[in-house]
Amino acid sequence: MKVYFDNAASTKILPQAAEKMVEVMTEYYANPSASSIMGMEADNILKASAKTLARLINANEGEIYFTSGGTEGDNWAVFGTAKGYNRSGKHIITTVIEHPAVAQPFKQMEDMGYEVTYLPVDEKGYVSAQSVRDAVREDTILVSIILINNEIGTIQNAEEIGKAIKEKNSSTLFHLDAVQAFGKYKIDVKKFKCDMLSASAHKFNGPKGVGFFYMKKGLKVRPVLFGGGQQNGHRPGTENPAGAAAMAVAAEDAYKNYEESTKHVFALKKHLADRILNEISDTFVNGEDIEKASPYVLNMGFKNLRSEVLLHALEEKGVVVSAGSACNSRKKVQSSVLGAIGLGDDDIQGSIRFSFSRFNTIEEADYCVDVLKETVAFLRRFNRKR
């Protein structure tokens, strides 16, 4: 049996989305900026896709911009805000558990002379709305926070945080990194009072290389790419109607099945975690309790083991999991997220992430645990002999 529990890194494309992508690529292949009838047909596909995505987050069609994925959207939020609001201040805020697509741009801004406040989180991975409120100042132009953490699944209270920001300074922009949330969590940009939001299709069974960026109408956020003036000059470059259409199909299907999927994935996660905790000694859950974190992410520690060794041993038996963010997995970078919630080096090095799709099964979870029991026992015996 092959078990893929690395869905936070990427998901399998939905068959309907793949079919839509092929249809658009082979039948509506004209440049959407062209003035021909075929160009207008391609442009209409983009507009219909934007309309679908906007409806799902309670936004307007004109506030949706197609991107190459979550990293571009996150970078746009940071650098675009800095360029557009540099006269309003040079103070920006984020947390210590952000994805590299936000953390690295913030480091760049720090190098460029901006003052950055990195807010701490508690042992569950939460940043408090009060700490955000306390950090916001008159010269704060941006707060960027990950909605669902990609490593431990903690869900921030976006509604409380957004309210705290706007009550303290209504001019401060609020960006949500929703890459691990969109398609798996209900999002309302008006309720959250967020001004910008990033999402990526391959995280919710859409294709790779396409995402969307929500930007509230009327903002002075500047583009970070320059060229032919597509997407109202905000995001130039020939648009990808096939990718946009496939993303919209995947998003629509994800939310159509939202309740059923959430219930199923939660049951799978709990079943897997309970069996590991009960049947494998010296194991523990990292971050928020199973019932309160995203059902799609489970991070667990295995004492007296190194995750890298465990991952390879599992993969040999058909079980694919990860040690954290896919962006860092090949760089041997120790998880800053697990360190931020208080784990010591040994526990960080022995932690692995299971991340699920609504298409995973309980049978796969059982196979995973059976393989884990055998593998962990062997590796621990081997470690003792050494």
Foldseek 3Di string as FASTA:
>chain_A
DFAEQALLQFDAADPVLVVLLVCCVVPLVDQCVDPDPSVVVLVVLLQVLLCLVCVQQVHHSLQKDKFQALLQQLLLQLVLLCVQCVVQAQEEEEELQDDCSNVVSVVVSVVVPGHYHHAFAALQQEGDLVVLLVPDDRRYAEYEYEQARSFAQAGYPLLSNLVSNCVNPVNHAYEYACQLPQLAHRHHCVSSVHQKYWYGQRSQNADHRMTMMGGHPPDRRAAPDADDCPSVNRYDDGDSSSRSNSSSVSRVVSVVCRVVLQVQLLVLQVLLVVCCPVPPPPKDWGHDDSVRGRSFKTKMFHAPDFVVVVQVQLVVVNYHWALGHPVCRVVPDQNSSSVSSPDDPRRSRRMTMGGDHSPDHSVSSVVSSVSVNVSSVVVNVVSVVD
